[in-house]
Amino acid sequence: MTPTEPVPGLGPQKVLWLSVAALVVVLIVTYLLVPRQSAPFIYAFF
């Protein structure tokens, strides 16, 4: 995972990182939008 790593090896990793980033964004947006009273159903997934 060094900056000098060949770019071709970035293909599948880029997709993985994009998926992880999308998941984190969805979790953060859900956490911010959902009222605190109905928040426990979110924690049930963890």
N, C-alpha and C. Protein backbone atom coordinates (compact mmCIF):
# COMPACT_ATOMS: atom_id res chain seq x y z
N MET A 1 0.84 -1.21 0.00
CA MET A 1 0.00 0.00 0.00
C MET A 1 0.87 1.26 0.00
N THR A 2 2.02 1.20 -0.63
CA THR A 2 2.89 2.37 -0.69
C THR A 2 2.56 3.19 -1.93
N PRO A 3 2.86 4.48 -1.92
CA PRO A 3 2.56 5.35 -3.08
C PRO A 3 3.26 4.88 -4.35
N THR A 4 4.37 4.14 -4.21
CA THR A 4 5.12 3.69 -5.38
C THR A 4 4.55 2.39 -5.94
N GLU A 5 3.42 1.93 -5.39
CA GLU A 5 2.82 0.69 -5.86
C GLU A 5 2.30 0.88 -7.29
N PRO A 6 2.46 -0.14 -8.14
CA PRO A 6 2.00 -0.04 -9.52
C PRO A 6 0.51 0.30 -9.59
N VAL A 7 0.16 1.16 -10.52
CA VAL A 7 -1.23 1.60 -10.67
C VAL A 7 -2.16 0.45 -11.08
N PRO A 8 -1.73 -0.48 -11.97
CA PRO A 8 -2.63 -1.57 -12.37
C PRO A 8 -3.19 -2.37 -11.19
N GLY A 9 -2.45 -2.43 -10.10
CA GLY A 9 -2.91 -3.17 -8.94
C GLY A 9 -4.00 -2.45 -8.16
N LEU A 10 -4.36 -1.25 -8.62
CA LEU A 10 -5.32 -0.42 -7.91
C LEU A 10 -6.76 -0.73 -8.32
N GLY A 11 -6.93 -1.52 -9.39
CA GLY A 11 -8.26 -1.78 -9.94
C GLY A 11 -9.27 -2.29 -8.91
N PRO A 12 -9.13 -3.54 -8.46
CA PRO A 12 -10.09 -4.11 -7.51
C PRO A 12 -10.10 -3.35 -6.18
N GLN A 13 -8.94 -2.84 -5.77
CA GLN A 13 -8.87 -2.11 -4.51
C GLN A 13 -9.69 -0.84 -4.57
N LYS A 14 -9.67 -0.17 -5.74
CA LYS A 14 -10.43 1.07 -5.88
C LYS A 14 -11.92 0.79 -5.72
N VAL A 15 -12.38 -0.29 -6.32
CA VAL A 15 -13.79 -0.66 -6.19
C VAL A 15 -14.13 -0.96 -4.74
N LEU A 16 -13.22 -1.66 -4.06
CA LEU A 16 -13.45 -2.01 -2.64
C LEU A 16 -13.54 -0.74 -1.80
N TRP A 17 -12.59 0.18 -2.01
CA TRP A 17 -12.59 1.42 -1.23
C TRP A 17 -13.82 2.26 -1.52
N LEU A 18 -14.28 2.26 -2.79
CA LEU A 18 -15.48 3.02 -3.13
C LEU A 18 -16.70 2.42 -2.44
N SER A 19 -16.74 1.09 -2.36
CA SER A 19 -17.85 0.43 -1.68
C SER A 19 -17.85 0.77 -0.19
N VAL A 20 -16.67 0.70 0.42
CA VAL A 20 -16.56 1.02 1.85
C VAL A 20 -16.93 2.48 2.10
N ALA A 21 -16.45 3.37 1.24
CA ALA A 21 -16.76 4.79 1.40
C ALA A 21 -18.26 5.04 1.25
N ALA A 22 -18.89 4.37 0.28
CA ALA A 22 -20.34 4.53 0.09
C ALA A 22 -21.10 4.05 1.32
N LEU A 23 -20.67 2.91 1.87
CA LEU A 23 -21.32 2.37 3.05
C LEU A 23 -21.20 3.33 4.23
N VAL A 24 -20.01 3.88 4.43
CA VAL A 24 -19.79 4.82 5.53
C VAL A 24 -20.67 6.06 5.35
N VAL A 25 -20.75 6.57 4.11
CA VAL A 25 -21.56 7.76 3.85
C VAL A 25 -23.03 7.47 4.16
N VAL A 26 -23.51 6.30 3.75
CA VAL A 26 -24.91 5.94 4.01
C VAL A 26 -25.16 5.86 5.52
N LEU A 27 -24.22 5.25 6.25
CA LEU A 27 -24.39 5.14 7.70
C LEU A 27 -24.41 6.52 8.37
N ILE A 28 -23.51 7.40 7.94
CA ILE A 28 -23.44 8.73 8.54
C ILE A 28 -24.71 9.53 8.23
N VAL A 29 -25.15 9.49 6.97
CA VAL A 29 -26.35 10.23 6.59
C VAL A 29 -27.56 9.70 7.34
N THR A 30 -27.66 8.37 7.45
CA THR A 30 -28.78 7.77 8.18
C THR A 30 -28.74 8.20 9.64
N TYR A 31 -27.55 8.17 10.22
CA TYR A 31 -27.40 8.55 11.63
C TYR A 31 -27.80 10.01 11.86
N LEU A 32 -27.48 10.87 10.87
CA LEU A 32 -27.79 12.29 11.03
C LEU A 32 -29.26 12.59 10.76
N LEU A 33 -29.88 11.85 9.85
CA LEU A 33 -31.26 12.16 9.46
C LEU A 33 -32.29 11.51 10.36
N VAL A 34 -31.99 10.30 10.85
CA VAL A 34 -32.97 9.58 11.66
C VAL A 34 -33.03 10.20 13.06
N PRO A 35 -34.24 10.47 13.56
CA PRO A 35 -34.39 11.02 14.91
C PRO A 35 -33.78 10.08 15.96
N ARG A 36 -33.34 10.64 17.05
CA ARG A 36 -32.68 9.85 18.09
C ARG A 36 -33.63 8.79 18.68
N GLN A 37 -34.92 9.07 18.68
CA GLN A 37 -35.87 8.13 19.29
C GLN A 37 -35.92 6.81 18.51
N SER A 38 -35.80 6.89 17.19
CA SER A 38 -35.90 5.67 16.37
C SER A 38 -34.52 5.13 16.01
N ALA A 39 -33.48 5.64 16.67
CA ALA A 39 -32.11 5.22 16.35
C ALA A 39 -31.80 3.77 16.73
N PRO A 40 -32.38 3.21 17.81
CA PRO A 40 -32.00 1.85 18.22
C PRO A 40 -32.10 0.81 17.12
N PHE A 41 -33.02 0.98 16.15
CA PHE A 41 -33.14 -0.03 15.10
C PHE A 41 -31.89 -0.05 14.21
N ILE A 42 -31.18 1.08 14.18
CA ILE A 42 -29.94 1.13 13.40
C ILE A 42 -28.87 0.29 14.10
N TYR A 43 -28.78 0.44 15.41
CA TYR A 43 -27.74 -0.29 16.16
C TYR A 43 -27.98 -1.79 16.16
N ALA A 44 -29.19 -2.22 15.82
CA ALA A 44 -29.48 -3.65 15.77
C ALA A 44 -28.68 -4.32 14.66
N PHE A 45 -28.25 -3.53 13.67
CA PHE A 45 -27.50 -4.11 12.55
C PHE A 45 -26.04 -4.36 12.90
N PHE A 46 -25.58 -3.74 14.00
CA PHE A 46 -24.17 -3.90 14.37
C PHE A 46 -24.03 -5.04 15.36
